[in-house]
Amino acid sequence: QAHLVESGGGLVQPGGSLTLSCAASENILSFSVIHWYRQAPGEQRRVVAFITREDITNYMVSVKGRFTISRDNAKNTVYLQMNSLKPEDTAVYYCNGRREPNVYWGQGTQVTVSL
């Protein structure tokens, strides 16, 4: 049973930056794809970005140019670098790893963008 653990959330002012980490308990490349999701209060969980084993990446439209997803294979960790943060980025951020036929979720980390 693989485990994913997010960290790096916190309170940041608008325009600020945070880097989230998603650490896997096993070889990160055993997952075909790692997604970052976020869920704001009263809203559905939505995909923010993903990175595949082959290093293909993609982003939701509202974060393109501001967020960057990357992976450190030696540390079995996927990162989400978030710049120029806006209040609407406030949410609980989750990482999700797919290793067929299973999908694994982390516990989430809170990001709050506010003055």
C-alpha atoms as a PDB file:
ATOM      1  CA  GLN A   1       0.000   0.000   0.000  1.00  0.00           C
ATOM      2  CA  ALA A   2       1.648   3.203  -1.181  1.00  0.00           C
ATOM      3  CA  HIS A   3       1.376   6.438   0.750  1.00  0.00           C
ATOM      4  CA  LEU A   4       1.521  10.025  -0.454  1.00  0.00           C
ATOM      5  CA  VAL A   5       2.180  12.858   1.984  1.00  0.00           C
ATOM      6  CA  GLU A   6       1.692  16.516   1.103  1.00  0.00           C
ATOM      7  CA  SER A   7       3.459  19.360   2.843  1.00  0.00           C
ATOM      8  CA  GLY A   8       4.306  22.996   2.305  1.00  0.00           C
ATOM      9  CA  GLY A   9       0.932  24.666   2.662  1.00  0.00           C
ATOM     10  CA  GLY A  10       0.368  27.761   4.720  1.00  0.00           C
ATOM     11  CA  LEU A  11      -0.787  31.349   4.781  1.00  0.00           C
ATOM     12  CA  VAL A  12       0.645  33.684   2.154  1.00  0.00           C
ATOM     13  CA  GLN A  13      -0.195  37.173   0.959  1.00  0.00           C
ATOM     14  CA  PRO A  14      -1.511  37.785  -2.548  1.00  0.00           C
ATOM     15  CA  GLY A  15       1.364  37.833  -5.003  1.00  0.00           C
ATOM     16  CA  GLY A  16       3.409  35.522  -2.836  1.00  0.00           C
ATOM     17  CA  SER A  17       4.789  32.049  -3.491  1.00  0.00           C
ATOM     18  CA  LEU A  18       4.615  28.608  -1.965  1.00  0.00           C
ATOM     19  CA  THR A  19       6.048  25.251  -2.931  1.00  0.00           C
ATOM     20  CA  LEU A  20       4.024  22.157  -2.123  1.00  0.00           C
ATOM     21  CA  SER A  21       5.620  18.730  -1.867  1.00  0.00           C
ATOM     22  CA  CYS A  22       4.086  15.316  -2.428  1.00  0.00           C
ATOM     23  CA  ALA A  23       6.369  12.623  -1.026  1.00  0.00           C
ATOM     24  CA  ALA A  24       5.770   9.013  -2.008  1.00  0.00           C
ATOM     25  CA  SER A  25       6.570   6.051   0.224  1.00  0.00           C
ATOM     26  CA  GLU A  26       7.696   4.084  -2.826  1.00  0.00           C
ATOM     27  CA  ASN A  27       9.478   4.725  -6.102  1.00  0.00           C
ATOM     28  CA  ILE A  28       7.751   7.788  -7.554  1.00  0.00           C
ATOM     29  CA  LEU A  29       8.194   6.373 -11.053  1.00  0.00           C
ATOM     30  CA  SER A  30       5.993   3.429 -10.130  1.00  0.00           C
ATOM     31  CA  PHE A  31       3.100   5.864 -10.580  1.00  0.00           C
ATOM     32  CA  SER A  32       2.070   6.464 -14.177  1.00  0.00           C
ATOM     33  CA  VAL A  33       0.892   9.952 -13.321  1.00  0.00           C
ATOM     34  CA  ILE A  34       0.806  12.263 -10.304  1.00  0.00           C
ATOM     35  CA  HIS A  35      -1.924  14.880 -10.109  1.00  0.00           C
ATOM     36  CA  TRP A  36      -2.302  17.894  -7.879  1.00  0.00           C
ATOM     37  CA  TYR A  37      -5.944  18.638  -7.063  1.00  0.00           C
ATOM     38  CA  ARG A  38      -7.463  21.398  -5.009  1.00  0.00           C
ATOM     39  CA  GLN A  39     -10.767  21.816  -3.258  1.00  0.00           C
ATOM     40  CA  ALA A  40     -12.131  25.122  -2.033  1.00  0.00           C
ATOM     41  CA  PRO A  41     -14.979  25.246   0.493  1.00  0.00           C
ATOM     42  CA  GLY A  42     -18.280  24.393  -1.150  1.00  0.00           C
ATOM     43  CA  GLU A  43     -16.643  23.417  -4.416  1.00  0.00           C
ATOM     44  CA  GLN A  44     -15.723  20.197  -6.154  1.00  0.00           C
ATOM     45  CA  ARG A  45     -12.186  18.888  -6.149  1.00  0.00           C
ATOM     46  CA  ARG A  46     -10.479  19.949  -9.364  1.00  0.00           C
ATOM     47  CA  VAL A  47      -7.274  18.990 -11.116  1.00  0.00           C
ATOM     48  CA  VAL A  48      -4.651  21.728 -10.915  1.00  0.00           C
ATOM     49  CA  ALA A  49      -1.752  20.056 -12.699  1.00  0.00           C
ATOM     50  CA  PHE A  50      -0.292  16.685 -13.514  1.00  0.00           C
ATOM     51  CA  ILE A  51       2.997  15.106 -14.486  1.00  0.00           C
ATOM     52  CA  THR A  52       3.313  11.716 -16.140  1.00  0.00           C
ATOM     53  CA  ARG A  53       6.083   9.166 -15.829  1.00  0.00           C
ATOM     54  CA  GLU A  54       7.253  10.406 -19.226  1.00  0.00           C
ATOM     55  CA  ASP A  55       7.421  13.999 -17.904  1.00  0.00           C
ATOM     56  CA  ILE A  56       4.387  15.220 -19.779  1.00  0.00           C
ATOM     57  CA  THR A  57       2.821  18.066 -17.812  1.00  0.00           C
ATOM     58  CA  ASN A  58      -0.383  20.040 -18.038  1.00  0.00           C
ATOM     59  CA  TYR A  59      -2.177  22.692 -16.011  1.00  0.00           C
ATOM     60  CA  MET A  60      -5.632  24.058 -15.435  1.00  0.00           C
ATOM     61  CA  VAL A  61      -6.098  27.285 -17.375  1.00  0.00           C
ATOM     62  CA  SER A  62      -6.258  29.570 -14.356  1.00  0.00           C
ATOM     63  CA  VAL A  63      -2.824  28.553 -13.065  1.00  0.00           C
ATOM     64  CA  LYS A  64      -0.888  28.318 -16.336  1.00  0.00           C
ATOM     65  CA  GLY A  65       2.163  30.527 -16.227  1.00  0.00           C
ATOM     66  CA  ARG A  66       1.988  30.800 -12.424  1.00  0.00           C
ATOM     67  CA  PHE A  67       2.321  27.182 -11.215  1.00  0.00           C
ATOM     68  CA  THR A  68       4.995  24.649 -12.138  1.00  0.00           C
ATOM     69  CA  ILE A  69       4.868  20.924 -11.434  1.00  0.00           C
ATOM     70  CA  SER A  70       8.111  18.987 -11.240  1.00  0.00           C
ATOM     71  CA  ARG A  71       9.527  15.736  -9.921  1.00  0.00           C
ATOM     72  CA  ASP A  72      12.686  14.722  -8.075  1.00  0.00           C
ATOM     73  CA  ASN A  73      13.119  11.004  -8.681  1.00  0.00           C
ATOM     74  CA  ALA A  74      15.905  10.645  -6.122  1.00  0.00           C
ATOM     75  CA  LYS A  75      13.623  12.035  -3.413  1.00  0.00           C
ATOM     76  CA  ASN A  76      10.462  10.273  -4.672  1.00  0.00           C
ATOM     77  CA  THR A  77       8.758  13.651  -4.524  1.00  0.00           C
ATOM     78  CA  VAL A  78       6.596  15.766  -6.812  1.00  0.00           C
ATOM     79  CA  TYR A  79       6.497  19.518  -6.282  1.00  0.00           C
ATOM     80  CA  LEU A  80       4.037  22.243  -7.123  1.00  0.00           C
ATOM     81  CA  GLN A  81       5.725  25.626  -7.277  1.00  0.00           C
ATOM     82  CA  MET A  82       3.046  28.299  -6.972  1.00  0.00           C
ATOM     83  CA  ASN A  83       3.875  31.914  -7.801  1.00  0.00           C
ATOM     84  CA  SER A  84       1.792  35.073  -8.022  1.00  0.00           C
ATOM     85  CA  LEU A  85      -0.774  33.536  -5.724  1.00  0.00           C
ATOM     86  CA  LYS A  86      -4.294  34.944  -5.689  1.00  0.00           C
ATOM     87  CA  PRO A  87      -7.052  34.716  -3.078  1.00  0.00           C
ATOM     88  CA  GLU A  88      -8.930  32.377  -5.412  1.00  0.00           C
ATOM     89  CA  ASP A  89      -6.073  29.881  -5.092  1.00  0.00           C
ATOM     90  CA  THR A  90      -7.144  29.302  -1.497  1.00  0.00           C
ATOM     91  CA  ALA A  91      -8.014  25.625  -1.087  1.00  0.00           C
ATOM     92  CA  VAL A  92      -6.904  22.319   0.317  1.00  0.00           C
ATOM     93  CA  TYR A  93      -4.385  20.864  -2.108  1.00  0.00           C
ATOM     94  CA  TYR A  94      -4.145  17.103  -2.588  1.00  0.00           C
ATOM     95  CA  CYS A  95      -1.793  14.933  -4.531  1.00  0.00           C
ATOM     96  CA  ASN A  96      -3.042  11.815  -6.263  1.00  0.00           C
ATOM     97  CA  GLY A  97      -0.978   9.005  -7.698  1.00  0.00           C
ATOM     98  CA  ARG A  98      -2.177   6.465 -10.208  1.00  0.00           C
ATOM     99  CA  ARG A  99      -0.652   3.034 -10.194  1.00  0.00           C
ATOM    100  CA  GLU A 100      -3.016   0.839 -12.068  1.00  0.00           C
ATOM    101  CA  PRO A 101      -5.433  -0.419 -11.005  1.00  0.00           C
ATOM    102  CA  ASN A 102      -5.192   1.722  -7.871  1.00  0.00           C
ATOM    103  CA  VAL A 103      -5.311   5.405  -7.125  1.00  0.00           C
ATOM    104  CA  TYR A 104      -3.691   6.829  -4.000  1.00  0.00           C
ATOM    105  CA  TRP A 105      -4.490  10.112  -2.251  1.00  0.00           C
ATOM    106  CA  GLY A 106      -2.611  12.172   0.246  1.00  0.00           C
ATOM    107  CA  GLN A 107      -4.255  13.814   3.236  1.00  0.00           C
ATOM    108  CA  GLY A 108      -4.115  17.332   1.798  1.00  0.00           C
ATOM    109  CA  THR A 109      -2.421  20.563   2.772  1.00  0.00           C
ATOM    110  CA  GLN A 110      -4.179  23.898   3.289  1.00  0.00           C
ATOM    111  CA  VAL A 111      -3.161  26.907   1.224  1.00  0.00           C
ATOM    112  CA  THR A 112      -4.635  30.248   2.239  1.00  0.00           C
ATOM    113  CA  VAL A 113      -3.964  33.382   0.218  1.00  0.00           C
ATOM    114  CA  SER A 114      -5.001  36.451   2.172  1.00  0.00           C
ATOM    115  CA  LEU A 115      -3.805  39.804   3.457  1.00  0.00           C
END
